[in-house]
């Protein structure tokens, strides 16, 4: 009986996490420092996060070594000749993204665009 209950709870949590993670797929937009538009296209499969960003200048930058665990996401991108690690917290239709650039950290809120 206990095994059945634990199995049911585990499966329910697994389905919830998969459903949650699928919400990350798609186009996300935000403004850096309230001025510069940024666009991210995220593709999530299992724990692997892929995609790209479109810089304010229109340059495509691929996402590398991306992952999602629960509500936390992490990925790397090449910026200004350096590899930077980005950290995000997923909250329904928003991602709170922290971007280390040189000696500072910039925060941006990304909002999911509907199809």
N, C-alpha and C. Protein backbone atom coordinates (compact mmCIF):
# COMPACT_ATOMS: atom_id res chain seq x y z
N UNK A 1 0.82 -1.20 0.00
CA UNK A 1 0.00 0.00 0.00
C UNK A 1 0.86 1.26 0.00
N UNK A 2 1.89 1.28 0.83
CA UNK A 2 2.78 2.44 0.90
C UNK A 2 3.50 2.63 -0.44
N UNK A 3 3.91 1.53 -1.06
CA UNK A 3 4.59 1.63 -2.36
C UNK A 3 3.66 2.24 -3.41
N UNK A 4 2.37 1.86 -3.37
CA UNK A 4 1.41 2.42 -4.32
C UNK A 4 1.27 3.92 -4.14
N UNK A 5 1.18 4.35 -2.90
CA UNK A 5 1.01 5.78 -2.61
C UNK A 5 2.26 6.54 -3.05
N UNK A 6 3.44 6.03 -2.69
CA UNK A 6 4.68 6.70 -3.09
C UNK A 6 4.84 6.73 -4.60
N UNK A 7 4.48 5.64 -5.27
CA UNK A 7 4.57 5.60 -6.73
C UNK A 7 3.64 6.63 -7.36
N UNK A 8 2.44 6.73 -6.83
CA UNK A 8 1.47 7.70 -7.34
C UNK A 8 1.98 9.13 -7.15
N UNK A 9 2.52 9.41 -5.97
CA UNK A 9 3.06 10.75 -5.69
C UNK A 9 4.23 11.05 -6.63
N UNK A 10 5.13 10.10 -6.79
CA UNK A 10 6.28 10.29 -7.67
C UNK A 10 5.84 10.56 -9.10
N UNK A 11 4.91 9.76 -9.61
CA UNK A 11 4.43 9.96 -10.99
C UNK A 11 3.74 11.31 -11.15
N UNK A 12 2.96 11.71 -10.16
CA UNK A 12 2.28 13.01 -10.22
C UNK A 12 3.28 14.14 -10.28
N UNK A 13 4.32 14.05 -9.44
CA UNK A 13 5.36 15.09 -9.44
C UNK A 13 6.12 15.10 -10.76
N UNK A 14 6.40 13.92 -11.30
CA UNK A 14 7.11 13.83 -12.57
C UNK A 14 6.31 14.49 -13.69
N UNK A 15 5.02 14.22 -13.76
CA UNK A 15 4.17 14.83 -14.78
C UNK A 15 4.09 16.33 -14.58
N UNK A 16 4.02 16.78 -13.34
CA UNK A 16 3.96 18.21 -13.07
C UNK A 16 5.24 18.89 -13.53
N UNK A 17 6.39 18.28 -13.27
CA UNK A 17 7.66 18.87 -13.69
C UNK A 17 7.78 18.91 -15.20
N UNK A 18 7.35 17.85 -15.87
CA UNK A 18 7.41 17.82 -17.33
C UNK A 18 6.49 18.90 -17.91
N UNK A 19 5.29 19.02 -17.37
CA UNK A 19 4.36 20.05 -17.85
C UNK A 19 4.94 21.43 -17.61
N UNK A 20 5.52 21.62 -16.45
CA UNK A 20 6.11 22.91 -16.10
C UNK A 20 7.25 23.24 -17.06
N UNK A 21 8.12 22.26 -17.30
CA UNK A 21 9.28 22.50 -18.15
C UNK A 21 8.87 22.83 -19.58
N UNK A 22 7.80 22.23 -20.06
CA UNK A 22 7.37 22.50 -21.43
C UNK A 22 6.96 23.95 -21.62
N UNK A 23 6.55 24.60 -20.55
CA UNK A 23 6.16 26.01 -20.63
C UNK A 23 7.35 26.90 -20.97
N UNK A 24 8.57 26.42 -20.81
CA UNK A 24 9.75 27.21 -21.11
C UNK A 24 9.98 27.31 -22.61
N UNK A 25 9.57 26.33 -23.36
CA UNK A 25 9.77 26.33 -24.81
C UNK A 25 9.11 27.54 -25.45
N UNK A 26 9.83 28.16 -26.37
CA UNK A 26 9.24 29.26 -27.12
C UNK A 26 10.03 30.55 -27.02
N UNK A 27 9.35 31.62 -27.37
CA UNK A 27 9.97 32.94 -27.46
C UNK A 27 9.72 33.73 -26.17
N UNK A 28 10.80 34.31 -25.64
CA UNK A 28 10.76 35.13 -24.43
C UNK A 28 11.41 36.48 -24.74
N UNK A 29 10.81 37.56 -24.23
CA UNK A 29 11.35 38.88 -24.50
C UNK A 29 11.51 39.68 -23.20
N UNK A 30 12.40 40.65 -23.25
CA UNK A 30 12.61 41.53 -22.11
C UNK A 30 13.43 42.73 -22.50
N UNK A 31 13.70 43.58 -21.52
CA UNK A 31 14.52 44.77 -21.75
C UNK A 31 15.67 44.77 -20.76
N UNK A 32 16.88 44.93 -21.28
CA UNK A 32 18.06 45.04 -20.44
C UNK A 32 18.20 46.49 -20.02
N UNK A 33 18.35 46.72 -18.73
CA UNK A 33 18.50 48.06 -18.16
C UNK A 33 17.36 48.98 -18.59
N UNK A 34 16.20 48.41 -18.84
CA UNK A 34 15.03 49.18 -19.20
C UNK A 34 15.09 49.82 -20.58
N UNK A 35 16.13 49.52 -21.36
CA UNK A 35 16.31 50.20 -22.64
C UNK A 35 16.46 49.27 -23.84
N UNK A 36 17.20 48.20 -23.68
CA UNK A 36 17.61 47.39 -24.81
C UNK A 36 16.79 46.10 -24.89
N UNK A 37 16.11 45.93 -26.02
CA UNK A 37 15.29 44.74 -26.21
C UNK A 37 16.17 43.50 -26.40
N UNK A 38 15.79 42.42 -25.73
CA UNK A 38 16.45 41.13 -25.93
C UNK A 38 15.37 40.08 -26.19
N UNK A 39 15.72 39.09 -26.97
CA UNK A 39 14.81 38.01 -27.31
C UNK A 39 15.55 36.70 -27.09
N UNK A 40 14.88 35.75 -26.44
CA UNK A 40 15.42 34.41 -26.25
C UNK A 40 14.44 33.41 -26.84
N UNK A 41 14.97 32.40 -27.49
CA UNK A 41 14.19 31.27 -27.96
C UNK A 41 14.71 30.06 -27.22
N UNK A 42 13.89 29.50 -26.31
CA UNK A 42 14.30 28.35 -25.51
C UNK A 42 13.66 27.08 -26.03
N UNK A 43 14.44 26.00 -26.03
CA UNK A 43 13.96 24.66 -26.38
C UNK A 43 14.41 23.74 -25.25
N UNK A 44 13.45 23.10 -24.61
CA UNK A 44 13.72 22.27 -23.44
C UNK A 44 13.36 20.83 -23.74
N UNK A 45 14.28 19.90 -23.40
CA UNK A 45 14.05 18.48 -23.59
C UNK A 45 14.73 17.73 -22.46
N UNK A 46 13.95 17.05 -21.63
CA UNK A 46 14.53 16.38 -20.46
C UNK A 46 15.04 17.44 -19.50
N UNK A 47 16.32 17.40 -19.18
CA UNK A 47 16.93 18.45 -18.36
C UNK A 47 17.80 19.38 -19.21
N UNK A 48 17.78 19.18 -20.54
CA UNK A 48 18.65 19.94 -21.43
C UNK A 48 17.92 21.16 -21.98
N UNK A 49 18.58 22.30 -21.89
CA UNK A 49 18.05 23.56 -22.41
C UNK A 49 18.93 24.01 -23.57
N UNK A 50 18.31 24.26 -24.70
CA UNK A 50 18.99 24.77 -25.89
C UNK A 50 18.28 26.02 -26.36
N UNK A 51 18.82 26.63 -27.37
CA UNK A 51 18.16 27.79 -27.96
C UNK A 51 19.15 28.84 -28.38
N UNK A 52 18.65 30.08 -28.42
CA UNK A 52 19.50 31.19 -28.84
C UNK A 52 18.92 32.48 -28.28
N UNK A 53 19.74 33.50 -28.34
CA UNK A 53 19.32 34.84 -27.97
C UNK A 53 19.56 35.75 -29.16
N UNK A 54 18.74 36.77 -29.26
CA UNK A 54 18.93 37.81 -30.27
C UNK A 54 19.33 39.06 -29.50
N UNK A 55 20.53 39.55 -29.75
CA UNK A 55 21.04 40.72 -29.02
C UNK A 55 20.32 41.98 -29.48
N UNK A 56 20.47 43.08 -28.74
CA UNK A 56 19.87 44.35 -29.18
C UNK A 56 20.34 44.77 -30.58
N UNK A 57 21.53 44.32 -31.00
CA UNK A 57 22.04 44.66 -32.33
C UNK A 57 21.55 43.68 -33.40
N UNK A 58 20.79 42.65 -33.01
CA UNK A 58 20.25 41.69 -33.96
C UNK A 58 21.12 40.46 -34.17
N UNK A 59 22.19 40.32 -33.42
CA UNK A 59 23.08 39.17 -33.55
C UNK A 59 22.50 37.95 -32.84
N UNK A 60 22.55 36.78 -33.51
CA UNK A 60 22.11 35.53 -32.88
C UNK A 60 23.25 34.95 -32.07
N UNK A 61 22.96 34.59 -30.82
CA UNK A 61 23.97 34.01 -29.94
C UNK A 61 23.42 32.68 -29.43
N UNK A 62 24.08 31.55 -29.75
CA UNK A 62 23.57 30.25 -29.30
C UNK A 62 23.75 30.04 -27.80
N UNK A 63 22.80 29.33 -27.23
CA UNK A 63 22.87 28.93 -25.83
C UNK A 63 23.66 27.62 -25.77
N UNK A 64 24.59 27.53 -24.80
CA UNK A 64 25.40 26.34 -24.64
C UNK A 64 25.25 25.79 -23.22
N UNK A 65 25.42 24.49 -23.08
CA UNK A 65 25.44 23.83 -21.77
C UNK A 65 24.26 24.24 -20.89
N UNK A 66 23.07 24.31 -21.48
CA UNK A 66 21.90 24.73 -20.73
C UNK A 66 21.22 23.58 -20.00
N UNK A 67 20.65 23.91 -18.84
CA UNK A 67 19.91 22.90 -18.08
C UNK A 67 18.81 23.58 -17.26
N UNK A 68 17.80 22.78 -16.94
CA UNK A 68 16.73 23.21 -16.05
C UNK A 68 16.56 22.14 -15.00
N UNK A 69 16.53 22.58 -13.74
CA UNK A 69 16.27 21.67 -12.62
C UNK A 69 15.24 22.35 -11.73
N UNK A 70 14.03 21.80 -11.75
CA UNK A 70 12.95 22.43 -11.01
C UNK A 70 12.62 23.77 -11.64
N UNK A 71 12.68 24.83 -10.84
CA UNK A 71 12.39 26.18 -11.33
C UNK A 71 13.66 26.94 -11.69
N UNK A 72 14.81 26.30 -11.56
CA UNK A 72 16.09 26.97 -11.83
C UNK A 72 16.64 26.58 -13.20
N UNK A 73 17.14 27.57 -13.90
CA UNK A 73 17.76 27.31 -15.19
C UNK A 73 19.16 27.92 -15.20
N UNK A 74 20.00 27.35 -16.03
CA UNK A 74 21.37 27.83 -16.17
C UNK A 74 21.83 27.54 -17.58
N UNK A 75 22.58 28.49 -18.17
CA UNK A 75 23.15 28.25 -19.49
C UNK A 75 24.32 29.19 -19.70
N UNK A 76 25.08 28.92 -20.76
CA UNK A 76 26.24 29.73 -21.09
C UNK A 76 26.06 30.35 -22.46
N UNK A 77 26.65 31.54 -22.62
CA UNK A 77 26.66 32.23 -23.91
C UNK A 77 27.96 32.99 -24.05
N UNK A 78 28.37 33.17 -25.31
CA UNK A 78 29.56 33.96 -25.61
C UNK A 78 29.16 35.43 -25.72
N UNK A 79 29.71 36.26 -24.85
CA UNK A 79 29.44 37.70 -24.88
C UNK A 79 30.74 38.47 -24.86
N UNK A 80 30.90 39.35 -25.79
CA UNK A 80 32.09 40.21 -25.85
C UNK A 80 33.38 39.40 -25.72
N UNK A 81 33.43 38.26 -26.39
CA UNK A 81 34.63 37.44 -26.41
C UNK A 81 34.84 36.57 -25.19
N UNK A 82 33.89 36.56 -24.26
CA UNK A 82 34.00 35.74 -23.06
C UNK A 82 32.78 34.84 -22.91
N UNK A 83 32.97 33.68 -22.29
CA UNK A 83 31.85 32.81 -21.98
C UNK A 83 31.27 33.23 -20.63
N UNK A 84 29.99 33.56 -20.63
CA UNK A 84 29.30 33.96 -19.41
C UNK A 84 28.24 32.93 -19.06
N UNK A 85 28.09 32.67 -17.76
CA UNK A 85 27.06 31.76 -17.28
C UNK A 85 25.87 32.59 -16.80
N UNK A 86 24.69 32.24 -17.28
CA UNK A 86 23.45 32.93 -16.94
C UNK A 86 22.65 32.04 -15.99
N UNK A 87 21.97 32.66 -15.06
CA UNK A 87 21.15 31.95 -14.08
C UNK A 87 19.74 32.51 -14.12
N UNK A 88 18.74 31.64 -14.11
CA UNK A 88 17.37 32.10 -14.16
C UNK A 88 16.49 31.36 -13.18
N UNK A 89 15.42 32.02 -12.80
CA UNK A 89 14.39 31.44 -11.95
C UNK A 89 13.08 31.54 -12.72
N UNK A 90 12.45 30.39 -12.97
CA UNK A 90 11.23 30.34 -13.77
C UNK A 90 10.03 30.49 -12.84
N UNK A 91 9.14 31.41 -13.20
CA UNK A 91 7.93 31.65 -12.41
C UNK A 91 6.76 31.83 -13.37
N UNK A 92 6.12 30.73 -13.72
CA UNK A 92 4.99 30.69 -14.64
C UNK A 92 5.34 31.30 -15.99
N UNK A 93 4.84 32.49 -16.30
CA UNK A 93 5.09 33.09 -17.62
C UNK A 93 6.20 34.12 -17.57
N UNK A 94 7.05 34.07 -16.52
CA UNK A 94 8.19 34.97 -16.41
C UNK A 94 9.45 34.20 -16.05
N UNK A 95 10.57 34.70 -16.52
CA UNK A 95 11.88 34.18 -16.12
C UNK A 95 12.68 35.36 -15.59
N UNK A 96 13.16 35.22 -14.37
CA UNK A 96 14.01 36.24 -13.77
C UNK A 96 15.45 35.82 -14.04
N UNK A 97 16.10 36.51 -14.95
CA UNK A 97 17.41 36.11 -15.46
C UNK A 97 18.48 37.05 -14.92
N UNK A 98 19.56 36.45 -14.41
CA UNK A 98 20.73 37.20 -13.95
C UNK A 98 21.85 36.97 -14.95
N UNK A 99 22.44 38.06 -15.43
CA UNK A 99 23.46 37.98 -16.46
C UNK A 99 24.73 38.67 -15.97
N UNK A 100 25.78 37.89 -15.68
CA UNK A 100 27.04 38.54 -15.30
C UNK A 100 27.74 39.07 -16.53
N UNK A 101 28.05 40.35 -16.52
CA UNK A 101 28.77 40.97 -17.62
C UNK A 101 29.92 41.76 -17.02
N UNK A 102 31.12 41.34 -17.40
CA UNK A 102 32.35 41.90 -16.85
C UNK A 102 32.32 41.84 -15.34
N UNK A 103 32.42 42.97 -14.65
CA UNK A 103 32.49 42.96 -13.19
C UNK A 103 31.16 43.28 -12.52
N UNK A 104 30.06 43.16 -13.27
CA UNK A 104 28.76 43.48 -12.70
C UNK A 104 27.75 42.40 -13.07
N UNK A 105 26.58 42.47 -12.47
CA UNK A 105 25.52 41.52 -12.79
C UNK A 105 24.27 42.31 -13.17
N UNK A 106 23.69 41.96 -14.30
CA UNK A 106 22.50 42.64 -14.79
C UNK A 106 21.32 41.68 -14.68
N UNK A 107 20.20 42.21 -14.22
CA UNK A 107 19.00 41.40 -14.10
C UNK A 107 17.99 41.84 -15.16
N UNK A 108 17.27 40.87 -15.69
CA UNK A 108 16.23 41.17 -16.67
C UNK A 108 15.07 40.21 -16.43
N UNK A 109 13.87 40.70 -16.61
CA UNK A 109 12.68 39.85 -16.51
C UNK A 109 12.23 39.54 -17.93
N UNK A 110 12.19 38.25 -18.24
CA UNK A 110 11.73 37.80 -19.55
C UNK A 110 10.26 37.38 -19.44
N UNK A 111 9.48 37.73 -20.45
CA UNK A 111 8.07 37.38 -20.47
C UNK A 111 7.83 36.51 -21.70
N UNK A 112 7.08 35.44 -21.50
CA UNK A 112 6.80 34.54 -22.61
C UNK A 112 5.79 35.15 -23.56
N UNK A 113 6.11 35.08 -24.84
CA UNK A 113 5.20 35.58 -25.86
C UNK A 113 4.27 34.45 -26.27
N UNK A 114 3.02 34.78 -26.35
CA UNK A 114 2.02 33.79 -26.78
C UNK A 114 2.09 33.62 -28.28
N UNK A 115 1.72 32.45 -28.75
CA UNK A 115 1.76 32.16 -30.18
C UNK A 115 0.73 32.93 -30.94
